[in-house]
């Protein structure tokens, strides 16, 4: 199996093992850091292990929609294109676009931007610990951001990319993804990301940056409600 077929498990058993909450054949990030978790394989003992650490919702990446044993409730499921950057095709950003490092002081604005671009969802307040955020500000206000999230052998994930709707179309998201990808490649690793299959505009932007579709992926957020 390719490590990107089960990326969270690959991360939690390699570079990000220090973050892992471990229970038998299952692992997850602390919920305040990241919602995602994973299992070595989707067999009943692994589901039983995951249930013991899934009182708070846990997100799973999988190549097929998971077949859930009794006791689980799905709260969200989306179909994704997992993309990797085989070569850098990043255009040179406009001199007016200045990408900056975000800090804990920016968390209120980061949370507000996340909720504005992903209605009904909340930003994990310590997500920045997995790799840090870059952003773009206008008059001191955060208008676009993105971060590094999963880190596994040979690969680094770009995630949480968003631009406030009124600032779209200016290349801000492109500049942030380009800089994050540049840093990953400088470290000798391959950038990857996921994009919803119902968001062709974003997918086309990523293609122009040298990303290609690797595989179809499902992101399922679920919670153990059994006894």
Foldseek 3Di string as FASTA:
>chain_A
DDCVQFVQVQQCVAVVVVQWDDFVQKTAGPQLQPQEIGGPDPDDVRLVRVQVVFQDKYKGKHQDPDDDDPQKDWPDKFKKFKKWFPDFLADDADPVWDKAFDDLVCQVLLQVQLCQFVPPDGDSSNNCVQFGKIFTDDPRHTFWMWGWHGDHVQEIEIDDTGGRPVPPPRCRSSVRVSVVQVVQVVVVHIYMYIDTPVCVVVVVSVVSRRMDGDGMMMMIIMGGRHD
